[in-house]
Amino acid sequence: MQSRRFSTLPAIGILIFVYFIAGKFGLMLASLHVSASPVWPPAGIALGALLVLGYRAWPAIFIGAFFVNVTTAGNVATSLAIASGNTLEAFCGAWLVNRFAGGTTVFDRPQGVFTFAPAALRVSRIWRIMARSG
């Protein structure tokens, strides 16, 4: 058990670094406020990391998000709150994918592909309708 935890440590360290770099890149696109970007690549990175590495990688997301925000806005309390939200977002997303979409093995069987594709089309259609009305 101890060797498994140790082998995850380098991956968590790399995840912190990748999340930080992607977060800084995303914040370069901020226009209204320095801490709010319309594009947030770390969200996908965090979701993918939790799906591949498991829920035990959540501290890397929290630390990466904290460092992105504390080096941008400089407010520790706000950075802790944003990091908590980013971590919870990834955790909930990973749980939903694991619970309802079959996890990372969803595309291993044709049934998963044919189930996922119509659902993705429905979601994209809903987003288009919402974008036009709002």
N, C-alpha and C. Protein backbone atom coordinates (compact mmCIF):
# COMPACT_ATOMS: atom_id res chain seq x y z
N MET A 1 0.83 -1.19 0.00
CA MET A 1 0.00 0.00 0.00
C MET A 1 0.87 1.25 0.00
N GLN A 2 1.94 1.25 0.76
CA GLN A 2 2.82 2.41 0.83
C GLN A 2 3.47 2.73 -0.51
N SER A 3 3.87 1.72 -1.28
CA SER A 3 4.51 1.97 -2.57
C SER A 3 3.54 2.58 -3.56
N ARG A 4 2.25 2.25 -3.46
CA ARG A 4 1.25 2.83 -4.36
C ARG A 4 1.12 4.33 -4.10
N ARG A 5 1.10 4.73 -2.85
CA ARG A 5 1.00 6.14 -2.52
C ARG A 5 2.24 6.89 -2.99
N PHE A 6 3.40 6.27 -2.81
CA PHE A 6 4.64 6.92 -3.22
C PHE A 6 4.70 7.09 -4.74
N SER A 7 4.20 6.13 -5.49
CA SER A 7 4.25 6.23 -6.94
C SER A 7 3.30 7.31 -7.46
N THR A 8 2.31 7.69 -6.66
CA THR A 8 1.38 8.73 -7.06
C THR A 8 1.95 10.12 -6.80
N LEU A 9 2.90 10.24 -5.89
CA LEU A 9 3.46 11.55 -5.55
C LEU A 9 4.05 12.30 -6.73
N PRO A 10 4.85 11.66 -7.58
CA PRO A 10 5.35 12.41 -8.75
C PRO A 10 4.23 12.88 -9.67
N ALA A 11 3.22 12.05 -9.85
CA ALA A 11 2.09 12.44 -10.70
C ALA A 11 1.36 13.64 -10.10
N ILE A 12 1.21 13.66 -8.79
CA ILE A 12 0.55 14.79 -8.13
C ILE A 12 1.39 16.05 -8.27
N GLY A 13 2.69 15.93 -8.13
CA GLY A 13 3.58 17.09 -8.32
C GLY A 13 3.50 17.63 -9.74
N ILE A 14 3.48 16.76 -10.70
CA ILE A 14 3.36 17.18 -12.10
C ILE A 14 2.00 17.82 -12.34
N LEU A 15 0.95 17.26 -11.73
CA LEU A 15 -0.39 17.81 -11.87
C LEU A 15 -0.48 19.22 -11.32
N ILE A 16 0.15 19.49 -10.19
CA ILE A 16 0.17 20.85 -9.63
C ILE A 16 0.79 21.80 -10.63
N PHE A 17 1.92 21.43 -11.19
CA PHE A 17 2.63 22.28 -12.15
C PHE A 17 1.80 22.51 -13.40
N VAL A 18 1.23 21.45 -13.97
CA VAL A 18 0.42 21.56 -15.20
C VAL A 18 -0.81 22.41 -14.93
N TYR A 19 -1.47 22.20 -13.80
CA TYR A 19 -2.65 22.99 -13.45
C TYR A 19 -2.27 24.47 -13.33
N PHE A 20 -1.15 24.76 -12.69
CA PHE A 20 -0.71 26.14 -12.51
C PHE A 20 -0.44 26.81 -13.86
N ILE A 21 0.28 26.15 -14.73
CA ILE A 21 0.60 26.72 -16.05
C ILE A 21 -0.68 26.93 -16.86
N ALA A 22 -1.57 25.94 -16.86
CA ALA A 22 -2.82 26.07 -17.60
C ALA A 22 -3.69 27.18 -17.01
N GLY A 23 -3.67 27.32 -15.70
CA GLY A 23 -4.43 28.39 -15.05
C GLY A 23 -3.91 29.76 -15.41
N LYS A 24 -2.61 29.92 -15.43
CA LYS A 24 -2.02 31.20 -15.83
C LYS A 24 -2.35 31.51 -17.29
N PHE A 25 -2.33 30.49 -18.13
CA PHE A 25 -2.71 30.68 -19.53
C PHE A 25 -4.17 31.11 -19.63
N GLY A 26 -5.04 30.44 -18.90
CA GLY A 26 -6.46 30.78 -18.91
C GLY A 26 -6.72 32.19 -18.43
N LEU A 27 -5.99 32.63 -17.41
CA LEU A 27 -6.18 33.98 -16.89
C LEU A 27 -5.62 35.06 -17.82
N MET A 28 -4.78 34.67 -18.76
CA MET A 28 -4.32 35.64 -19.76
C MET A 28 -5.49 36.09 -20.63
N LEU A 29 -6.55 35.30 -20.69
CA LEU A 29 -7.73 35.61 -21.49
C LEU A 29 -8.79 36.37 -20.69
N ALA A 30 -8.51 36.69 -19.43
CA ALA A 30 -9.47 37.42 -18.59
C ALA A 30 -9.65 38.84 -19.10
N SER A 31 -10.89 39.30 -19.11
CA SER A 31 -11.14 40.66 -19.59
C SER A 31 -11.86 41.52 -18.55
N LEU A 32 -12.80 40.97 -17.81
CA LEU A 32 -13.55 41.76 -16.83
C LEU A 32 -12.83 41.87 -15.50
N HIS A 33 -12.22 40.80 -15.06
CA HIS A 33 -11.50 40.78 -13.79
C HIS A 33 -10.29 39.87 -13.95
N VAL A 34 -9.21 40.17 -13.24
CA VAL A 34 -7.98 39.39 -13.41
C VAL A 34 -8.13 37.93 -12.99
N SER A 35 -9.13 37.64 -12.14
CA SER A 35 -9.31 36.27 -11.67
C SER A 35 -10.46 35.53 -12.33
N ALA A 36 -11.08 36.13 -13.32
CA ALA A 36 -12.22 35.50 -13.98
C ALA A 36 -11.98 35.41 -15.47
N SER A 37 -11.93 34.20 -15.99
CA SER A 37 -11.65 33.97 -17.40
C SER A 37 -12.81 33.25 -18.05
N PRO A 38 -13.14 33.59 -19.29
CA PRO A 38 -14.20 32.86 -19.98
C PRO A 38 -13.80 31.46 -20.39
N VAL A 39 -12.50 31.19 -20.38
CA VAL A 39 -11.97 29.88 -20.74
C VAL A 39 -11.10 29.40 -19.57
N TRP A 40 -11.38 28.20 -19.09
CA TRP A 40 -10.63 27.69 -17.94
C TRP A 40 -10.13 26.28 -18.23
N PRO A 41 -8.98 26.16 -18.93
CA PRO A 41 -8.44 24.83 -19.26
C PRO A 41 -8.18 23.93 -18.05
N PRO A 42 -7.82 24.47 -16.88
CA PRO A 42 -7.58 23.57 -15.75
C PRO A 42 -8.79 22.75 -15.33
N ALA A 43 -10.00 23.17 -15.68
CA ALA A 43 -11.17 22.38 -15.31
C ALA A 43 -11.13 21.02 -15.99
N GLY A 44 -10.78 20.99 -17.26
CA GLY A 44 -10.67 19.72 -17.97
C GLY A 44 -9.50 18.89 -17.49
N ILE A 45 -8.41 19.57 -17.18
CA ILE A 45 -7.23 18.87 -16.66
C ILE A 45 -7.57 18.22 -15.32
N ALA A 46 -8.26 18.97 -14.45
CA ALA A 46 -8.62 18.45 -13.14
C ALA A 46 -9.57 17.27 -13.25
N LEU A 47 -10.56 17.39 -14.12
CA LEU A 47 -11.51 16.30 -14.31
C LEU A 47 -10.81 15.05 -14.83
N GLY A 48 -9.98 15.22 -15.84
CA GLY A 48 -9.23 14.09 -16.38
C GLY A 48 -8.31 13.46 -15.36
N ALA A 49 -7.66 14.29 -14.56
CA ALA A 49 -6.74 13.76 -13.55
C ALA A 49 -7.48 12.94 -12.51
N LEU A 50 -8.63 13.42 -12.06
CA LEU A 50 -9.38 12.65 -11.08
C LEU A 50 -9.93 11.36 -11.66
N LEU A 51 -10.25 11.37 -12.94
CA LEU A 51 -10.72 10.14 -13.57
C LEU A 51 -9.60 9.12 -13.74
N VAL A 52 -8.42 9.60 -14.09
CA VAL A 52 -7.30 8.69 -14.34
C VAL A 52 -6.57 8.31 -13.05
N LEU A 53 -6.26 9.30 -12.22
CA LEU A 53 -5.50 9.03 -11.00
C LEU A 53 -6.37 8.64 -9.82
N GLY A 54 -7.64 8.95 -9.89
CA GLY A 54 -8.54 8.68 -8.78
C GLY A 54 -8.75 9.91 -7.92
N TYR A 55 -9.68 9.78 -6.98
CA TYR A 55 -10.04 10.92 -6.14
C TYR A 55 -8.89 11.36 -5.23
N ARG A 56 -7.91 10.52 -5.03
CA ARG A 56 -6.79 10.87 -4.16
C ARG A 56 -5.92 11.99 -4.72
N ALA A 57 -6.15 12.39 -5.95
CA ALA A 57 -5.36 13.47 -6.56
C ALA A 57 -5.95 14.84 -6.27
N TRP A 58 -7.02 14.92 -5.49
CA TRP A 58 -7.65 16.21 -5.23
C TRP A 58 -6.73 17.25 -4.59
N PRO A 59 -5.78 16.87 -3.73
CA PRO A 59 -4.92 17.91 -3.16
C PRO A 59 -4.11 18.66 -4.22
N ALA A 60 -3.73 17.98 -5.29
CA ALA A 60 -2.97 18.65 -6.35
C ALA A 60 -3.81 19.72 -7.02
N ILE A 61 -5.08 19.45 -7.21
CA ILE A 61 -5.97 20.44 -7.82
C ILE A 61 -6.13 21.63 -6.88
N PHE A 62 -6.33 21.34 -5.61
CA PHE A 62 -6.49 22.41 -4.63
C PHE A 62 -5.25 23.29 -4.56
N ILE A 63 -4.09 22.67 -4.47
CA ILE A 63 -2.83 23.43 -4.37
C ILE A 63 -2.59 24.23 -5.65
N GLY A 64 -2.78 23.60 -6.80
CA GLY A 64 -2.57 24.30 -8.06
C GLY A 64 -3.50 25.49 -8.21
N ALA A 65 -4.78 25.30 -7.88
CA ALA A 65 -5.76 26.39 -7.99
C ALA A 65 -5.43 27.50 -6.99
N PHE A 66 -5.00 27.12 -5.80
CA PHE A 66 -4.63 28.14 -4.81
C PHE A 66 -3.47 28.99 -5.31
N PHE A 67 -2.43 28.34 -5.82
CA PHE A 67 -1.26 29.09 -6.30
C PHE A 67 -1.58 29.97 -7.50
N VAL A 68 -2.44 29.49 -8.39
CA VAL A 68 -2.85 30.31 -9.54
C VAL A 68 -3.50 31.59 -9.05
N ASN A 69 -4.41 31.47 -8.10
CA ASN A 69 -5.18 32.62 -7.66
C ASN A 69 -4.40 33.52 -6.70
N VAL A 70 -3.61 32.95 -5.83
CA VAL A 70 -2.86 33.79 -4.89
C VAL A 70 -1.78 34.59 -5.61
N THR A 71 -1.23 34.05 -6.69
CA THR A 71 -0.22 34.80 -7.45
C THR A 71 -0.85 35.78 -8.43
N THR A 72 -2.16 35.69 -8.62
CA THR A 72 -2.86 36.63 -9.50
C THR A 72 -3.48 37.77 -8.71
N ALA A 73 -4.33 37.44 -7.73
CA ALA A 73 -5.04 38.46 -6.97
C ALA A 73 -4.32 38.80 -5.67
N GLY A 74 -3.61 37.85 -5.09
CA GLY A 74 -2.86 38.10 -3.87
C GLY A 74 -3.64 37.98 -2.59
N ASN A 75 -4.94 37.73 -2.65
CA ASN A 75 -5.77 37.61 -1.46
C ASN A 75 -5.86 36.13 -1.07
N VAL A 76 -5.35 35.80 0.11
CA VAL A 76 -5.28 34.40 0.54
C VAL A 76 -6.68 33.82 0.78
N ALA A 77 -7.55 34.56 1.44
CA ALA A 77 -8.89 34.05 1.75
C ALA A 77 -9.67 33.76 0.47
N THR A 78 -9.64 34.70 -0.46
CA THR A 78 -10.34 34.50 -1.73
C THR A 78 -9.74 33.34 -2.51
N SER A 79 -8.43 33.25 -2.49
CA SER A 79 -7.75 32.16 -3.21
C SER A 79 -8.11 30.80 -2.62
N LEU A 80 -8.24 30.72 -1.30
CA LEU A 80 -8.66 29.47 -0.67
C LEU A 80 -10.09 29.10 -1.07
N ALA A 81 -10.97 30.10 -1.14
CA ALA A 81 -12.36 29.84 -1.53
C ALA A 81 -12.44 29.38 -2.99
N ILE A 82 -11.70 30.05 -3.86
CA ILE A 82 -11.72 29.66 -5.28
C ILE A 82 -11.11 28.27 -5.46
N ALA A 83 -10.03 28.00 -4.76
CA ALA A 83 -9.40 26.67 -4.85
C ALA A 83 -10.36 25.59 -4.36
N SER A 84 -11.10 25.88 -3.30
CA SER A 84 -12.08 24.91 -2.80
C SER A 84 -13.17 24.66 -3.84
N GLY A 85 -13.64 25.72 -4.48
CA GLY A 85 -14.66 25.57 -5.51
C GLY A 85 -14.15 24.80 -6.72
N ASN A 86 -12.94 25.10 -7.15
CA ASN A 86 -12.36 24.38 -8.30
C ASN A 86 -12.18 22.90 -7.98
N THR A 87 -11.76 22.60 -6.77
CA THR A 87 -11.56 21.20 -6.37
C THR A 87 -12.90 20.47 -6.28
N LEU A 88 -13.89 21.12 -5.68
CA LEU A 88 -15.21 20.52 -5.57
C LEU A 88 -15.83 20.30 -6.94
N GLU A 89 -15.63 21.24 -7.84
CA GLU A 89 -16.14 21.12 -9.21
C GLU A 89 -15.56 19.87 -9.89
N ALA A 90 -14.26 19.68 -9.80
CA ALA A 90 -13.62 18.52 -10.42
C ALA A 90 -14.07 17.22 -9.74
N PHE A 91 -14.16 17.26 -8.42
CA PHE A 91 -14.57 16.07 -7.68
C PHE A 91 -15.99 15.66 -8.06
N CYS A 92 -16.91 16.62 -8.11
CA CYS A 92 -18.30 16.32 -8.48
C CYS A 92 -18.39 15.84 -9.93
N GLY A 93 -17.64 16.47 -10.81
CA GLY A 93 -17.63 16.05 -12.21
C GLY A 93 -17.14 14.62 -12.37
N ALA A 94 -16.06 14.29 -11.67
CA ALA A 94 -15.52 12.92 -11.75
C ALA A 94 -16.51 11.92 -11.16
N TRP A 95 -17.15 12.29 -10.06
CA TRP A 95 -18.14 11.39 -9.47
C TRP A 95 -19.30 11.15 -10.44
N LEU A 96 -19.77 12.22 -11.08
CA LEU A 96 -20.88 12.07 -12.03
C LEU A 96 -20.49 11.21 -13.23
N VAL A 97 -19.28 11.40 -13.74
CA VAL A 97 -18.82 10.58 -14.87
C VAL A 97 -18.71 9.12 -14.44
N ASN A 98 -18.15 8.89 -13.26
CA ASN A 98 -18.01 7.51 -12.78
C ASN A 98 -19.37 6.88 -12.49
N ARG A 99 -20.28 7.66 -11.97
CA ARG A 99 -21.59 7.13 -11.57
C ARG A 99 -22.53 6.91 -12.75
N PHE A 100 -22.60 7.88 -13.66
CA PHE A 100 -23.62 7.83 -14.69
C PHE A 100 -23.09 7.54 -16.10
N ALA A 101 -21.81 7.75 -16.33
CA ALA A 101 -21.28 7.57 -17.68
C ALA A 101 -20.37 6.35 -17.81
N GLY A 102 -20.21 5.60 -16.75
CA GLY A 102 -19.38 4.41 -16.85
C GLY A 102 -17.90 4.66 -16.64
N GLY A 103 -17.54 5.83 -16.16
CA GLY A 103 -16.13 6.14 -15.86
C GLY A 103 -15.26 6.19 -17.10
N THR A 104 -14.02 5.85 -16.92
CA THR A 104 -13.05 5.94 -18.02
C THR A 104 -13.22 4.81 -19.03
N THR A 105 -14.03 3.83 -18.72
CA THR A 105 -14.23 2.71 -19.64
C THR A 105 -15.47 2.87 -20.51
N VAL A 106 -16.06 4.05 -20.51
CA VAL A 106 -17.31 4.27 -21.24
C VAL A 106 -17.16 3.98 -22.74
N PHE A 107 -15.99 4.22 -23.31
CA PHE A 107 -15.81 4.02 -24.75
C PHE A 107 -15.16 2.68 -25.09
N ASP A 108 -15.04 1.80 -24.12
CA ASP A 108 -14.46 0.49 -24.38
C ASP A 108 -15.42 -0.44 -25.15
N ARG A 109 -16.71 -0.17 -25.02
CA ARG A 109 -17.71 -1.00 -25.70
C ARG A 109 -18.52 -0.13 -26.64
N PRO A 110 -18.95 -0.67 -27.76
CA PRO A 110 -19.79 0.10 -28.69
C PRO A 110 -21.06 0.65 -28.04
N GLN A 111 -21.61 -0.08 -27.09
CA GLN A 111 -22.81 0.37 -26.40
C GLN A 111 -22.56 1.72 -25.71
N GLY A 112 -21.40 1.89 -25.10
CA GLY A 112 -21.07 3.15 -24.45
C GLY A 112 -20.98 4.30 -25.43
N VAL A 113 -20.38 4.04 -26.59
CA VAL A 113 -20.26 5.08 -27.62
C VAL A 113 -21.64 5.49 -28.11
N PHE A 114 -22.48 4.52 -28.40
CA PHE A 114 -23.81 4.82 -28.93
C PHE A 114 -24.74 5.41 -27.87
N THR A 115 -24.44 5.22 -26.61
CA THR A 115 -25.21 5.86 -25.55
C THR A 115 -24.73 7.29 -25.33
N PHE A 116 -23.42 7.49 -25.39
CA PHE A 116 -22.84 8.80 -25.11
C PHE A 116 -23.11 9.80 -26.23
N ALA A 117 -23.01 9.39 -27.46
CA ALA A 117 -23.14 10.32 -28.60
C ALA A 117 -24.49 11.04 -28.61
N PRO A 118 -25.63 10.36 -28.49
CA PRO A 118 -26.91 11.09 -28.47
C PRO A 118 -27.02 12.04 -27.27
N ALA A 119 -26.49 11.61 -26.13
CA ALA A 119 -26.54 12.48 -24.95
C ALA A 119 -25.72 13.75 -25.19
N ALA A 120 -24.56 13.62 -25.80
CA ALA A 120 -23.73 14.79 -26.09
C ALA A 120 -24.43 15.72 -27.08
N LEU A 121 -25.11 15.16 -28.06
CA LEU A 121 -25.85 15.98 -29.02
C LEU A 121 -26.99 16.73 -28.34
N ARG A 122 -27.69 16.07 -27.43
CA ARG A 122 -28.77 16.74 -26.71
C ARG A 122 -28.23 17.90 -25.87
N VAL A 123 -27.13 17.67 -25.18
CA VAL A 123 -26.54 18.73 -24.35
C VAL A 123 -26.09 19.89 -25.21
N SER A 124 -25.46 19.61 -26.35
CA SER A 124 -25.01 20.71 -27.21
C SER A 124 -26.20 21.48 -27.78
N ARG A 125 -27.28 20.80 -28.08
CA ARG A 125 -28.48 21.47 -28.59
C ARG A 125 -29.07 22.37 -27.50
N ILE A 126 -29.10 21.90 -26.27
CA ILE A 126 -29.61 22.71 -25.16
C ILE A 126 -28.74 23.95 -24.97
N TRP A 127 -27.42 23.78 -25.05
CA TRP A 127 -26.52 24.93 -24.89
C TRP A 127 -26.75 25.96 -26.00
N ARG A 128 -26.96 25.48 -27.23
CA ARG A 128 -27.21 26.42 -28.34
C ARG A 128 -28.49 27.19 -28.13
N ILE A 129 -29.53 26.52 -27.67
CA ILE A 129 -30.81 27.19 -27.41
C ILE A 129 -30.64 28.21 -26.29
N MET A 130 -29.94 27.86 -25.26
CA MET A 130 -29.72 28.79 -24.15
C MET A 130 -28.89 29.99 -24.58
N ALA A 131 -27.91 29.75 -25.43
CA ALA A 131 -27.05 30.85 -25.90
C ALA A 131 -27.84 31.83 -26.76
N ARG A 132 -28.74 31.32 -27.58
CA ARG A 132 -29.56 32.20 -28.41
C ARG A 132 -30.55 33.02 -27.61
N SER A 133 -31.10 32.42 -26.55
CA SER A 133 -32.12 33.12 -25.78
C SER A 133 -31.51 34.08 -24.76
N GLY A 134 -30.27 33.85 -24.37
CA GLY A 134 -29.67 34.68 -23.33
C GLY A 134 -28.80 35.68 -23.90
